[in-house]
């Protein structure tokens, strides 16, 4: 979902290093996003994630207070910032499954028939 492939995660990696390797307790962390885009961060300690949408100065967030808006991660709030959900259920392709089953059985019967014919020719 991250829209900026060139985003510098350096400060976030330093934060992770401070917490995990140096055992430093961090209560707050701030970062200024200079470029618009959608950024997703996961919290390895809690398993939660944060989605941040940074807009251009000419744009406005819905329900903002002094240019800042926050919302729970819901289907609606993600759609509002341009993230669409997709149905992840895949329907089986029955014609392919049945055709594959028949083809595999035909090949097996042909191979077995060839072995029987070859065995009968030797006798």
PDB file of N, CA and C in Angstrom:
ATOM      1  N   UNK A   1       0.807  -1.189   0.000  1.00  0.00           N
ATOM      2  CA  UNK A   1       0.000   0.000   0.000  1.00  0.00           C
ATOM      3  C   UNK A   1       0.858   1.264   0.000  1.00  0.00           C
ATOM      4  N   UNK A   2       2.124   1.154   0.365  1.00  0.00           N
ATOM      5  CA  UNK A   2       2.968   2.342   0.365  1.00  0.00           C
ATOM      6  C   UNK A   2       3.075   2.873  -1.058  1.00  0.00           C
ATOM      7  N   UNK A   3       2.815   4.171  -1.212  1.00  0.00           N
ATOM      8  CA  UNK A   3       2.800   4.751  -2.555  1.00  0.00           C
ATOM      9  C   UNK A   3       4.120   5.393  -2.943  1.00  0.00           C
ATOM     10  N   UNK A   4       5.055   5.516  -2.008  1.00  0.00           N
ATOM     11  CA  UNK A   4       6.345   6.125  -2.318  1.00  0.00           C
ATOM     12  C   UNK A   4       7.440   5.066  -2.173  1.00  0.00           C
ATOM     13  N   UNK A   5       7.877   4.472  -3.298  1.00  0.00           N
ATOM     14  CA  UNK A   5       8.890   3.416  -3.209  1.00  0.00           C
ATOM     15  C   UNK A   5      10.261   3.942  -2.768  1.00  0.00           C
ATOM     16  N   UNK A   6      10.475   5.258  -2.837  1.00  0.00           N
ATOM     17  CA  UNK A   6      11.765   5.837  -2.460  1.00  0.00           C
ATOM     18  C   UNK A   6      11.763   6.405  -1.036  1.00  0.00           C
ATOM     19  N   UNK A   7      10.734   6.074  -0.244  1.00  0.00           N
ATOM     20  CA  UNK A   7      10.647   6.621   1.102  1.00  0.00           C
ATOM     21  C   UNK A   7      11.827   6.147   1.949  1.00  0.00           C
ATOM     22  N   UNK A   8      12.425   7.058   2.715  1.00  0.00           N
ATOM     23  CA  UNK A   8      13.578   6.747   3.563  1.00  0.00           C
ATOM     24  C   UNK A   8      13.077   6.294   4.931  1.00  0.00           C
ATOM     25  N   UNK A   9      13.188   5.001   5.195  1.00  0.00           N
ATOM     26  CA  UNK A   9      12.759   4.430   6.472  1.00  0.00           C
ATOM     27  C   UNK A   9      13.845   4.513   7.544  1.00  0.00           C
ATOM     28  N   UNK A  10      14.932   5.221   7.256  1.00  0.00           N
ATOM     29  CA  UNK A  10      16.064   5.300   8.180  1.00  0.00           C
ATOM     30  C   UNK A  10      15.692   5.669   9.606  1.00  0.00           C
ATOM     31  N   UNK A  11      14.945   6.757   9.846  1.00  0.00           N
ATOM     32  CA  UNK A  11      14.581   7.109  11.225  1.00  0.00           C
ATOM     33  C   UNK A  11      13.751   6.025  11.923  1.00  0.00           C
ATOM     34  N   UNK A  12      12.934   5.325  11.171  1.00  0.00           N
ATOM     35  CA  UNK A  12      12.114   4.269  11.755  1.00  0.00           C
ATOM     36  C   UNK A  12      12.967   3.039  12.086  1.00  0.00           C
ATOM     37  N   UNK A  13      13.966   2.772  11.257  1.00  0.00           N
ATOM     38  CA  UNK A  13      14.890   1.672  11.555  1.00  0.00           C
ATOM     39  C   UNK A  13      15.737   2.000  12.777  1.00  0.00           C
ATOM     40  N   UNK A  14      16.124   3.262  12.913  1.00  0.00           N
ATOM     41  CA  UNK A  14      16.855   3.681  14.110  1.00  0.00           C
ATOM     42  C   UNK A  14      15.992   3.525  15.355  1.00  0.00           C
ATOM     43  N   UNK A  15      14.714   3.866  15.248  1.00  0.00           N
ATOM     44  CA  UNK A  15      13.791   3.705  16.362  1.00  0.00           C
ATOM     45  C   UNK A  15      13.681   2.234  16.752  1.00  0.00           C
ATOM     46  N   UNK A  16      13.544   1.367  15.766  1.00  0.00           N
ATOM     47  CA  UNK A  16      13.465  -0.071  16.026  1.00  0.00           C
ATOM     48  C   UNK A  16      14.729  -0.566  16.713  1.00  0.00           C
ATOM     49  N   UNK A  17      15.889  -0.090  16.256  1.00  0.00           N
ATOM     50  CA  UNK A  17      17.167  -0.464  16.855  1.00  0.00           C
ATOM     51  C   UNK A  17      17.250  -0.001  18.314  1.00  0.00           C
ATOM     52  N   UNK A  18      16.784   1.204  18.570  1.00  0.00           N
ATOM     53  CA  UNK A  18      16.808   1.731  19.939  1.00  0.00           C
ATOM     54  C   UNK A  18      15.944   0.876  20.869  1.00  0.00           C
ATOM     55  N   UNK A  19      14.799   0.443  20.380  1.00  0.00           N
ATOM     56  CA  UNK A  19      13.876  -0.331  21.204  1.00  0.00           C
ATOM     57  C   UNK A  19      14.351  -1.775  21.378  1.00  0.00           C
ATOM     58  N   UNK A  20      14.717  -2.413  20.269  1.00  0.00           N
ATOM     59  CA  UNK A  20      15.026  -3.846  20.319  1.00  0.00           C
ATOM     60  C   UNK A  20      16.443  -4.168  20.759  1.00  0.00           C
ATOM     61  N   UNK A  21      17.405  -3.423  20.284  1.00  0.00           N
ATOM     62  CA  UNK A  21      18.799  -3.767  20.569  1.00  0.00           C
ATOM     63  C   UNK A  21      19.377  -3.017  21.762  1.00  0.00           C
ATOM     64  N   UNK A  22      18.945  -1.771  21.944  1.00  0.00           N
ATOM     65  CA  UNK A  22      19.503  -0.966  23.026  1.00  0.00           C
ATOM     66  C   UNK A  22      18.593  -0.928  24.249  1.00  0.00           C
ATOM     67  N   UNK A  23      17.428  -1.564  24.153  1.00  0.00           N
ATOM     68  CA  UNK A  23      16.463  -1.626  25.258  1.00  0.00           C
ATOM     69  C   UNK A  23      16.104  -0.252  25.808  1.00  0.00           C
ATOM     70  N   UNK A  24      15.949   0.717  24.931  1.00  0.00           N
ATOM     71  CA  UNK A  24      15.567   2.064  25.337  1.00  0.00           C
ATOM     72  C   UNK A  24      14.042   2.151  25.268  1.00  0.00           C
ATOM     73  N   UNK A  25      13.439   2.649  26.337  1.00  0.00           N
ATOM     74  CA  UNK A  25      11.995   2.832  26.347  1.00  0.00           C
ATOM     75  C   UNK A  25      11.659   4.131  25.636  1.00  0.00           C
ATOM     76  N   UNK A  26      10.823   4.022  24.611  1.00  0.00           N
ATOM     77  CA  UNK A  26      10.433   5.192  23.842  1.00  0.00           C
ATOM     78  C   UNK A  26       8.941   5.416  24.063  1.00  0.00           C
ATOM     79  N   UNK A  27       8.596   6.567  24.589  1.00  0.00           N
ATOM     80  CA  UNK A  27       7.195   6.893  24.832  1.00  0.00           C
ATOM     81  C   UNK A  27       6.574   7.659  23.679  1.00  0.00           C
ATOM     82  N   UNK A  28       7.352   8.488  23.022  1.00  0.00           N
ATOM     83  CA  UNK A  28       6.845   9.258  21.887  1.00  0.00           C
ATOM     84  C   UNK A  28       7.874   9.251  20.770  1.00  0.00           C
ATOM     85  N   UNK A  29       7.364   9.415  19.573  1.00  0.00           N
ATOM     86  CA  UNK A  29       8.221   9.470  18.388  1.00  0.00           C
ATOM     87  C   UNK A  29       7.507  10.352  17.377  1.00  0.00           C
ATOM     88  N   UNK A  30       8.221  11.278  16.806  1.00  0.00           N
ATOM     89  CA  UNK A  30       7.604  12.143  15.800  1.00  0.00           C
ATOM     90  C   UNK A  30       8.438  12.133  14.527  1.00  0.00           C
ATOM     91  N   UNK A  31       7.739  12.358  13.436  1.00  0.00           N
ATOM     92  CA  UNK A  31       8.387  12.384  12.133  1.00  0.00           C
ATOM     93  C   UNK A  31       7.586  13.321  11.243  1.00  0.00           C
ATOM     94  N   UNK A  32       8.254  14.108  10.452  1.00  0.00           N
ATOM     95  CA  UNK A  32       7.592  15.032   9.529  1.00  0.00           C
ATOM     96  C   UNK A  32       7.659  14.434   8.125  1.00  0.00           C
ATOM     97  N   UNK A  33       6.486  14.198   7.548  1.00  0.00           N
ATOM     98  CA  UNK A  33       6.401  13.681   6.189  1.00  0.00           C
ATOM     99  C   UNK A  33       6.419  14.870   5.234  1.00  0.00           C
ATOM    100  N   UNK A  34       7.400  14.911   4.355  1.00  0.00           N
ATOM    101  CA  UNK A  34       7.551  16.031   3.430  1.00  0.00           C
ATOM    102  C   UNK A  34       6.893  15.796   2.083  1.00  0.00           C
ATOM    103  N   UNK A  35       6.564  14.545   1.788  1.00  0.00           N
ATOM    104  CA  UNK A  35       5.970  14.222   0.497  1.00  0.00           C
ATOM    105  C   UNK A  35       4.600  13.590   0.690  1.00  0.00           C
ATOM    106  N   UNK A  36       3.653  13.899  -0.201  1.00  0.00           N
ATOM    107  CA  UNK A  36       2.334  13.268  -0.083  1.00  0.00           C
ATOM    108  C   UNK A  36       2.406  11.792  -0.446  1.00  0.00           C
ATOM    109  N   UNK A  37       1.481  11.043   0.086  1.00  0.00           N
ATOM    110  CA  UNK A  37       1.405   9.624  -0.212  1.00  0.00           C
ATOM    111  C   UNK A  37       0.741   8.863   0.905  1.00  0.00           C
ATOM    112  N   UNK A  38       0.675   7.552   0.740  1.00  0.00           N
ATOM    113  CA  UNK A  38       0.114   6.667   1.760  1.00  0.00           C
ATOM    114  C   UNK A  38       1.271   5.842   2.310  1.00  0.00           C
ATOM    115  N   UNK A  39       1.381   5.812   3.625  1.00  0.00           N
ATOM    116  CA  UNK A  39       2.472   5.116   4.296  1.00  0.00           C
ATOM    117  C   UNK A  39       1.882   4.168   5.342  1.00  0.00           C
ATOM    118  N   UNK A  40       2.348   2.921   5.353  1.00  0.00           N
ATOM    119  CA  UNK A  40       1.845   1.924   6.287  1.00  0.00           C
ATOM    120  C   UNK A  40       3.009   1.455   7.149  1.00  0.00           C
ATOM    121  N   UNK A  41       2.790   1.488   8.459  1.00  0.00           N
ATOM    122  CA  UNK A  41       3.816   1.071   9.412  1.00  0.00           C
ATOM    123  C   UNK A  41       3.227   0.022  10.338  1.00  0.00           C
ATOM    124  N   UNK A  42       4.019  -1.014  10.635  1.00  0.00           N
ATOM    125  CA  UNK A  42       3.550  -2.034  11.570  1.00  0.00           C
ATOM    126  C   UNK A  42       4.330  -1.920  12.869  1.00  0.00           C
ATOM    127  N   UNK A  43       3.667  -2.227  13.950  1.00  0.00           N
ATOM    128  CA  UNK A  43       4.281  -2.229  15.270  1.00  0.00           C
ATOM    129  C   UNK A  43       4.575  -3.683  15.602  1.00  0.00           C
ATOM    130  N   UNK A  44       5.842  -4.070  15.573  1.00  0.00           N
ATOM    131  CA  UNK A  44       6.196  -5.462  15.780  1.00  0.00           C
ATOM    132  C   UNK A  44       5.904  -5.931  17.195  1.00  0.00           C
ATOM    133  N   UNK A  45       5.865  -5.016  18.150  1.00  0.00           N
ATOM    134  CA  UNK A  45       5.600  -5.390  19.541  1.00  0.00           C
ATOM    135  C   UNK A  45       4.128  -5.726  19.759  1.00  0.00           C
ATOM    136  N   UNK A  46       3.236  -4.951  19.181  1.00  0.00           N
ATOM    137  CA  UNK A  46       1.808  -5.163  19.429  1.00  0.00           C
ATOM    138  C   UNK A  46       1.086  -5.854  18.279  1.00  0.00           C
ATOM    139  N   UNK A  47       1.715  -5.916  17.119  1.00  0.00           N
ATOM    140  CA  UNK A  47       1.080  -6.524  15.953  1.00  0.00           C
ATOM    141  C   UNK A  47       0.084  -5.607  15.274  1.00  0.00           C
ATOM    142  N   UNK A  48       0.020  -4.353  15.690  1.00  0.00           N
ATOM    143  CA  UNK A  48      -0.897  -3.407  15.076  1.00  0.00           C
ATOM    144  C   UNK A  48      -0.201  -2.690  13.924  1.00  0.00           C
ATOM    145  N   UNK A  49      -0.974  -1.976  13.148  1.00  0.00           N
ATOM    146  CA  UNK A  49      -0.379  -1.185  12.084  1.00  0.00           C
ATOM    147  C   UNK A  49      -1.050   0.167  12.010  1.00  0.00           C
ATOM    148  N   UNK A  50      -0.328   1.108  11.436  1.00  0.00           N
ATOM    149  CA  UNK A  50      -0.801   2.477  11.289  1.00  0.00           C
ATOM    150  C   UNK A  50      -0.742   2.853   9.822  1.00  0.00           C
ATOM    151  N   UNK A  51      -1.805   3.438   9.315  1.00  0.00           N
ATOM    152  CA  UNK A  51      -1.856   3.911   7.938  1.00  0.00           C
ATOM    153  C   UNK A  51      -1.896   5.430   7.989  1.00  0.00           C
ATOM    154  N   UNK A  52      -0.934   6.055   7.321  1.00  0.00           N
ATOM    155  CA  UNK A  52      -0.853   7.511   7.302  1.00  0.00           C
ATOM    156  C   UNK A  52      -1.001   7.982   5.860  1.00  0.00           C
ATOM    157  N   UNK A  53      -1.938   8.899   5.664  1.00  0.00           N
ATOM    158  CA  UNK A  53      -2.141   9.492   4.346  1.00  0.00           C
ATOM    159  C   UNK A  53      -1.723  10.953   4.436  1.00  0.00           C
ATOM    160  N   UNK A  54      -0.723  11.326   3.650  1.00  0.00           N
ATOM    161  CA  UNK A  54      -0.232  12.701   3.626  1.00  0.00           C
ATOM    162  C   UNK A  54      -0.730  13.324   2.325  1.00  0.00           C
ATOM    163  N   UNK A  55      -1.434  14.448   2.450  1.00  0.00           N
ATOM    164  CA  UNK A  55      -1.993  15.103   1.270  1.00  0.00           C
ATOM    165  C   UNK A  55      -1.210  16.369   0.946  1.00  0.00           C
ATOM    166  N   UNK A  56      -1.393  16.841  -0.272  1.00  0.00           N
ATOM    167  CA  UNK A  56      -0.751  18.093  -0.685  1.00  0.00           C
ATOM    168  C   UNK A  56      -1.381  19.262   0.054  1.00  0.00           C
ATOM    169  N   UNK A  57      -0.691  20.389   0.069  1.00  0.00           N
ATOM    170  CA  UNK A  57      -1.206  21.575   0.749  1.00  0.00           C
ATOM    171  C   UNK A  57      -2.530  22.032   0.145  1.00  0.00           C
ATOM    172  N   UNK A  58      -2.700  21.793  -1.154  1.00  0.00           N
ATOM    173  CA  UNK A  58      -3.920  22.233  -1.826  1.00  0.00           C
ATOM    174  C   UNK A  58      -5.119  21.333  -1.501  1.00  0.00           C
ATOM    175  N   UNK A  59      -4.861  20.160  -0.928  1.00  0.00           N
ATOM    176  CA  UNK A  59      -5.935  19.236  -0.578  1.00  0.00           C
ATOM    177  C   UNK A  59      -6.328  19.413   0.882  1.00  0.00           C
ATOM    178  N   UNK A  60      -7.476  18.857   1.228  1.00  0.00           N
ATOM    179  CA  UNK A  60      -7.945  18.958   2.604  1.00  0.00           C
ATOM    180  C   UNK A  60      -8.461  17.596   3.057  1.00  0.00           C
ATOM    181  N   UNK A  61      -8.129  17.223   4.282  1.00  0.00           N
ATOM    182  CA  UNK A  61      -8.623  15.980   4.862  1.00  0.00           C
ATOM    183  C   UNK A  61     -10.056  16.184   5.334  1.00  0.00           C
ATOM    184  N   UNK A  62     -10.824  15.113   5.311  1.00  0.00           N
ATOM    185  CA  UNK A  62     -12.175  15.220   5.857  1.00  0.00           C
ATOM    186  C   UNK A  62     -12.090  15.200   7.377  1.00  0.00           C
ATOM    187  N   UNK A  63     -12.969  15.912   8.017  1.00  0.00           N
ATOM    188  CA  UNK A  63     -13.040  15.985   9.490  1.00  0.00           C
ATOM    189  C   UNK A  63     -11.740  16.456  10.116  1.00  0.00           C
ATOM    190  N   UNK A  64     -11.018  17.319   9.443  1.00  0.00           N
ATOM    191  CA  UNK A  64      -9.728  17.750   9.987  1.00  0.00           C
ATOM    192  C   UNK A  64      -9.896  18.887  10.998  1.00  0.00           C
ATOM    193  N   UNK A  65      -8.936  18.930  11.905  1.00  0.00           N
ATOM    194  CA  UNK A  65      -8.844  20.015  12.873  1.00  0.00           C
ATOM    195  C   UNK A  65      -7.439  20.574  12.739  1.00  0.00           C
ATOM    196  N   UNK A  66      -7.317  21.804  12.304  1.00  0.00           N
ATOM    197  CA  UNK A  66      -6.016  22.436  12.061  1.00  0.00           C
ATOM    198  C   UNK A  66      -5.167  21.640  11.072  1.00  0.00           C
ATOM    199  N   UNK A  67      -5.826  21.042  10.068  1.00  0.00           N
ATOM    200  CA  UNK A  67      -5.099  20.320   9.031  1.00  0.00           C
ATOM    201  C   UNK A  67      -4.747  18.887   9.384  1.00  0.00           C
ATOM    202  N   UNK A  68      -5.222  18.399  10.542  1.00  0.00           N
ATOM    203  CA  UNK A  68      -4.904  17.034  10.967  1.00  0.00           C
ATOM    204  C   UNK A  68      -6.201  16.266  11.160  1.00  0.00           C
ATOM    205  N   UNK A  69      -6.226  15.048  10.666  1.00  0.00           N
ATOM    206  CA  UNK A  69      -7.400  14.199  10.797  1.00  0.00           C
ATOM    207  C   UNK A  69      -6.949  12.805  11.197  1.00  0.00           C
ATOM    208  N   UNK A  70      -7.730  12.156  12.040  1.00  0.00           N
ATOM    209  CA  UNK A  70      -7.423  10.779  12.455  1.00  0.00           C
ATOM    210  C   UNK A  70      -8.699   9.959  12.417  1.00  0.00           C
ATOM    211  N   UNK A  71      -8.572   8.685  12.081  1.00  0.00           N
ATOM    212  CA  UNK A  71      -9.722   7.791  12.031  1.00  0.00           C
ATOM    213  C   UNK A  71      -9.262   6.373  12.314  1.00  0.00           C
ATOM    214  N   UNK A  72     -10.173   5.569  12.798  1.00  0.00           N
ATOM    215  CA  UNK A  72      -9.893   4.149  12.986  1.00  0.00           C
ATOM    216  C   UNK A  72      -9.722   3.511  11.605  1.00  0.00           C
ATOM    217  N   UNK A  73      -8.988   2.424  11.553  1.00  0.00           N
ATOM    218  CA  UNK A  73      -8.790   1.731  10.287  1.00  0.00           C
ATOM    219  C   UNK A  73     -10.043   0.903  10.007  1.00  0.00           C
ATOM    220  N   UNK A  74     -10.872   1.438   9.147  1.00  0.00           N
ATOM    221  CA  UNK A  74     -12.075   0.743   8.706  1.00  0.00           C
ATOM    222  C   UNK A  74     -12.089   0.727   7.186  1.00  0.00           C
ATOM    223  N   UNK A  75     -12.977  -0.054   6.636  1.00  0.00           N
ATOM    224  CA  UNK A  75     -13.103  -0.124   5.176  1.00  0.00           C
ATOM    225  C   UNK A  75     -13.424   1.262   4.610  1.00  0.00           C
ATOM    226  N   UNK A  76     -14.285   1.981   5.322  1.00  0.00           N
ATOM    227  CA  UNK A  76     -14.702   3.297   4.851  1.00  0.00           C
ATOM    228  C   UNK A  76     -13.571   4.318   4.936  1.00  0.00           C
ATOM    229  N   UNK A  77     -12.838   4.309   6.066  1.00  0.00           N
ATOM    230  CA  UNK A  77     -11.765   5.296   6.219  1.00  0.00           C
ATOM    231  C   UNK A  77     -10.625   5.021   5.246  1.00  0.00           C
ATOM    232  N   UNK A  78     -10.353   3.750   4.964  1.00  0.00           N
ATOM    233  CA  UNK A  78      -9.314   3.425   3.980  1.00  0.00           C
ATOM    234  C   UNK A  78      -9.765   3.820   2.575  1.00  0.00           C
ATOM    235  N   UNK A  79     -11.044   3.628   2.270  1.00  0.00           N
ATOM    236  CA  UNK A  79     -11.564   4.020   0.953  1.00  0.00           C
ATOM    237  C   UNK A  79     -11.485   5.531   0.782  1.00  0.00           C
ATOM    238  N   UNK A  80     -11.645   6.264   1.870  1.00  0.00           N
ATOM    239  CA  UNK A  80     -11.599   7.722   1.821  1.00  0.00           C
ATOM    240  C   UNK A  80     -10.230   8.237   1.386  1.00  0.00           C
ATOM    241  N   UNK A  81      -9.172   7.493   1.712  1.00  0.00           N
ATOM    242  CA  UNK A  81      -7.825   7.927   1.320  1.00  0.00           C
ATOM    243  C   UNK A  81      -7.337   7.211   0.064  1.00  0.00           C
ATOM    244  N   UNK A  82      -8.226   6.457  -0.568  1.00  0.00           N
ATOM    245  CA  UNK A  82      -7.892   5.858  -1.861  1.00  0.00           C
ATOM    246  C   UNK A  82      -7.453   4.417  -1.817  1.00  0.00           C
ATOM    247  N   UNK A  83      -7.614   3.753  -0.685  1.00  0.00           N
ATOM    248  CA  UNK A  83      -7.239   2.341  -0.580  1.00  0.00           C
ATOM    249  C   UNK A  83      -8.503   1.515  -0.750  1.00  0.00           C
ATOM    250  N   UNK A  84      -8.522   0.662  -1.757  1.00  0.00           N
ATOM    251  CA  UNK A  84      -9.701  -0.143  -2.042  1.00  0.00           C
ATOM    252  C   UNK A  84      -9.495  -1.564  -1.548  1.00  0.00           C
ATOM    253  N   UNK A  85     -10.569  -2.156  -1.070  1.00  0.00           N
ATOM    254  CA  UNK A  85     -10.490  -3.556  -0.655  1.00  0.00           C
ATOM    255  C   UNK A  85     -10.972  -4.434  -1.797  1.00  0.00           C
ATOM    256  N   UNK A  86     -10.461  -5.630  -1.838  1.00  0.00           N
ATOM    257  CA  UNK A  86     -10.835  -6.573  -2.868  1.00  0.00           C
ATOM    258  C   UNK A  86     -11.341  -7.845  -2.209  1.00  0.00           C
ATOM    259  N   UNK A  87     -12.274  -8.496  -2.876  1.00  0.00           N
ATOM    260  CA  UNK A  87     -12.762  -9.772  -2.394  1.00  0.00           C
ATOM    261  C   UNK A  87     -11.659 -10.802  -2.595  1.00  0.00           C
ATOM    262  N   UNK A  88     -11.166 -11.352  -1.510  1.00  0.00           N
ATOM    263  CA  UNK A  88     -10.037 -12.274  -1.603  1.00  0.00           C
ATOM    264  C   UNK A  88     -10.473 -13.718  -1.799  1.00  0.00           C
ATOM    265  N   UNK A  89     -11.781 -13.958  -1.811  1.00  0.00           N
ATOM    266  CA  UNK A  89     -12.252 -15.302  -2.056  1.00  0.00           C
ATOM    267  C   UNK A  89     -12.133 -15.615  -3.535  1.00  0.00           C
ATOM    268  N   UNK A  90     -11.520 -16.717  -3.829  1.00  0.00           N
ATOM    269  CA  UNK A  90     -11.343 -17.134  -5.216  1.00  0.00           C
ATOM    270  C   UNK A  90     -12.292 -18.297  -5.480  1.00  0.00           C
ATOM    271  N   UNK A  91     -13.085 -18.165  -6.501  1.00  0.00           N
ATOM    272  CA  UNK A  91     -14.022 -19.223  -6.871  1.00  0.00           C
ATOM    273  C   UNK A  91     -13.270 -20.291  -7.657  1.00  0.00           C
ATOM    274  N   UNK A  92     -13.566 -21.556  -7.385  1.00  0.00           N
ATOM    275  CA  UNK A  92     -12.874 -22.622  -8.116  1.00  0.00           C
ATOM    276  C   UNK A  92     -13.268 -22.631  -9.588  1.00  0.00           C
ATOM    277  N   UNK A  93     -12.318 -22.929 -10.422  1.00  0.00           N
ATOM    278  CA  UNK A  93     -12.549 -23.061 -11.860  1.00  0.00           C
ATOM    279  C   UNK A  93     -12.859 -24.536 -12.119  1.00  0.00           C
ATOM    280  N   UNK A  94     -14.151 -24.871 -12.008  1.00  0.00           N
ATOM    281  CA  UNK A  94     -14.545 -26.273 -12.061  1.00  0.00           C
ATOM    282  C   UNK A  94     -14.224 -26.921 -13.402  1.00  0.00           C
ATOM    283  N   UNK A  95     -14.350 -26.196 -14.480  1.00  0.00           N
ATOM    284  CA  UNK A  95     -14.052 -26.802 -15.780  1.00  0.00           C
ATOM    285  C   UNK A  95     -12.577 -27.194 -15.866  1.00  0.00           C
ATOM    286  N   UNK A  96     -11.697 -26.352 -15.304  1.00  0.00           N
ATOM    287  CA  UNK A  96     -10.272 -26.697 -15.302  1.00  0.00           C
ATOM    288  C   UNK A  96     -10.012 -27.893 -14.397  1.00  0.00           C
ATOM    289  N   UNK A  97     -10.625 -27.912 -13.217  1.00  0.00           N
ATOM    290  CA  UNK A  97     -10.413 -29.014 -12.270  1.00  0.00           C
ATOM    291  C   UNK A  97     -10.901 -30.334 -12.863  1.00  0.00           C
ATOM    292  N   UNK A  98     -12.113 -30.335 -13.409  1.00  0.00           N
ATOM    293  CA  UNK A  98     -12.664 -31.567 -13.989  1.00  0.00           C
ATOM    294  C   UNK A  98     -11.860 -31.989 -15.217  1.00  0.00           C
ATOM    295  N   UNK A  99     -11.511 -31.026 -16.075  1.00  0.00           N
ATOM    296  CA  UNK A  99     -10.707 -31.345 -17.261  1.00  0.00           C
ATOM    297  C   UNK A  99      -9.350 -31.918 -16.890  1.00  0.00           C
ATOM    298  N   UNK A 100      -8.710 -31.350 -15.871  1.00  0.00           N
ATOM    299  CA  UNK A 100      -7.411 -31.865 -15.416  1.00  0.00           C
ATOM    300  C   UNK A 100      -7.554 -33.275 -14.875  1.00  0.00           C
ATOM    301  N   UNK A 101      -8.601 -33.519 -14.090  1.00  0.00           N
ATOM    302  CA  UNK A 101      -8.837 -34.854 -13.529  1.00  0.00           C
ATOM    303  C   UNK A 101      -9.011 -35.882 -14.643  1.00  0.00           C
ATOM    304  N   UNK A 102      -9.826 -35.525 -15.640  1.00  0.00           N
ATOM    305  CA  UNK A 102     -10.052 -36.450 -16.753  1.00  0.00           C
ATOM    306  C   UNK A 102      -8.762 -36.681 -17.539  1.00  0.00           C
ATOM    307  N   UNK A 103      -8.034 -35.597 -17.831  1.00  0.00           N
ATOM    308  CA  UNK A 103      -6.792 -35.728 -18.593  1.00  0.00           C
ATOM    309  C   UNK A 103      -5.766 -36.591 -17.862  1.00  0.00           C
ATOM    310  N   UNK A 104      -5.608 -36.388 -16.571  1.00  0.00           N
ATOM    311  CA  UNK A 104      -4.650 -37.189 -15.792  1.00  0.00           C
ATOM    312  C   UNK A 104      -5.058 -38.658 -15.805  1.00  0.00           C
ATOM    313  N   UNK A 105      -6.360 -38.942 -15.646  1.00  0.00           N
ATOM    314  CA  UNK A 105      -6.821 -40.334 -15.678  1.00  0.00           C
ATOM    315  C   UNK A 105      -6.604 -40.972 -17.044  1.00  0.00           C
ATOM    316  N   UNK A 106      -6.877 -40.219 -18.106  1.00  0.00           N
ATOM    317  CA  UNK A 106      -6.652 -40.751 -19.459  1.00  0.00           C
ATOM    318  C   UNK A 106      -5.178 -41.084 -19.661  1.00  0.00           C
ATOM    319  N   UNK A 107      -4.282 -40.191 -19.236  1.00  0.00           N
ATOM    320  CA  UNK A 107      -2.842 -40.431 -19.381  1.00  0.00           C
ATOM    321  C   UNK A 107      -2.429 -41.666 -18.578  1.00  0.00           C
ATOM    322  N   UNK A 108      -2.944 -41.795 -17.359  1.00  0.00           N
ATOM    323  CA  UNK A 108      -2.602 -42.970 -16.529  1.00  0.00           C
ATOM    324  C   UNK A 108      -3.093 -44.248 -17.191  1.00  0.00           C
ATOM    325  N   UNK A 109      -4.342 -44.248 -17.707  1.00  0.00           N
ATOM    326  CA  UNK A 109      -4.869 -45.442 -18.378  1.00  0.00           C
ATOM    327  C   UNK A 109      -4.067 -45.771 -19.634  1.00  0.00           C
ATOM    328  N   UNK A 110      -3.639 -44.773 -20.368  1.00  0.00           N
ATOM    329  CA  UNK A 110      -2.823 -45.024 -21.567  1.00  0.00           C
ATOM    330  C   UNK A 110      -1.491 -45.656 -21.169  1.00  0.00           C
ATOM    331  N   UNK A 111      -0.845 -45.125 -20.141  1.00  0.00           N
ATOM    332  CA  UNK A 111       0.440 -45.677 -19.700  1.00  0.00           C
ATOM    333  C   UNK A 111       0.267 -47.111 -19.220  1.00  0.00           C
ATOM    334  N   UNK A 112      -0.776 -47.376 -18.432  1.00  0.00           N
ATOM    335  CA  UNK A 112      -1.014 -48.747 -17.950  1.00  0.00           C
ATOM    336  C   UNK A 112      -1.311 -49.671 -19.128  1.00  0.00           C
ATOM    337  N   UNK A 113      -2.103 -49.197 -20.082  1.00  0.00           N
ATOM    338  CA  UNK A 113      -2.410 -50.019 -21.266  1.00  0.00           C
ATOM    339  C   UNK A 113      -1.152 -50.331 -22.060  1.00  0.00           C
ATOM    340  N   UNK A 114      -0.253 -49.355 -22.186  1.00  0.00           N
ATOM    341  CA  UNK A 114       1.003 -49.602 -22.903  1.00  0.00           C
ATOM    342  C   UNK A 114       1.859 -50.634 -22.178  1.00  0.00           C
ATOM    343  N   UNK A 115       1.892 -50.584 -20.852  1.00  0.00           N
ATOM    344  CA  UNK A 115       2.637 -51.591 -20.084  1.00  0.00           C
ATOM    345  C   UNK A 115       2.018 -52.984 -20.291  1.00  0.00           C
ATOM    346  N   UNK A 116       0.697 -53.083 -20.293  1.00  0.00           N
ATOM    347  CA  UNK A 116       0.031 -54.379 -20.481  1.00  0.00           C
ATOM    348  C   UNK A 116       0.306 -54.903 -21.893  1.00  0.00           C
ATOM    349  N   UNK A 117       0.205 -54.024 -22.894  1.00  0.00           N
ATOM    350  CA  UNK A 117       0.457 -54.446 -24.282  1.00  0.00           C
ATOM    351  C   UNK A 117       1.918 -54.866 -24.442  1.00  0.00           C
ATOM    352  N   UNK A 118       2.847 -54.100 -23.847  1.00  0.00           N
ATOM    353  CA  UNK A 118       4.258 -54.459 -23.954  1.00  0.00           C
ATOM    354  C   UNK A 118       4.535 -55.778 -23.246  1.00  0.00           C
ATOM    355  N   UNK A 119       3.881 -56.015 -22.125  1.00  0.00           N
ATOM    356  CA  UNK A 119       4.093 -57.271 -21.390  1.00  0.00           C
ATOM    357  C   UNK A 119       3.542 -58.458 -22.171  1.00  0.00           C
ATOM    358  N   UNK A 120       2.367 -58.275 -22.801  1.00  0.00           N
ATOM    359  CA  UNK A 120       1.763 -59.340 -23.581  1.00  0.00           C
ATOM    360  C   UNK A 120       2.572 -59.678 -24.822  1.00  0.00           C
ATOM    361  N   UNK A 121       3.272 -58.689 -25.392  1.00  0.00           N
ATOM    362  CA  UNK A 121       4.078 -58.920 -26.590  1.00  0.00           C
ATOM    363  C   UNK A 121       5.310 -59.764 -26.255  1.00  0.00           C
ATOM    364  N   UNK A 122       5.817 -59.648 -25.028  1.00  0.00           N
ATOM    365  CA  UNK A 122       7.004 -60.417 -24.642  1.00  0.00           C
ATOM    366  C   UNK A 122       6.666 -61.870 -24.422  1.00  0.00           C
ATOM    367  N   UNK A 123       5.468 -62.150 -24.014  1.00  0.00           N
ATOM    368  CA  UNK A 123       5.094 -63.524 -23.677  1.00  0.00           C
ATOM    369  C   UNK A 123       4.782 -64.322 -24.884  1.00  0.00           C
TER     370      UNK A 123
END
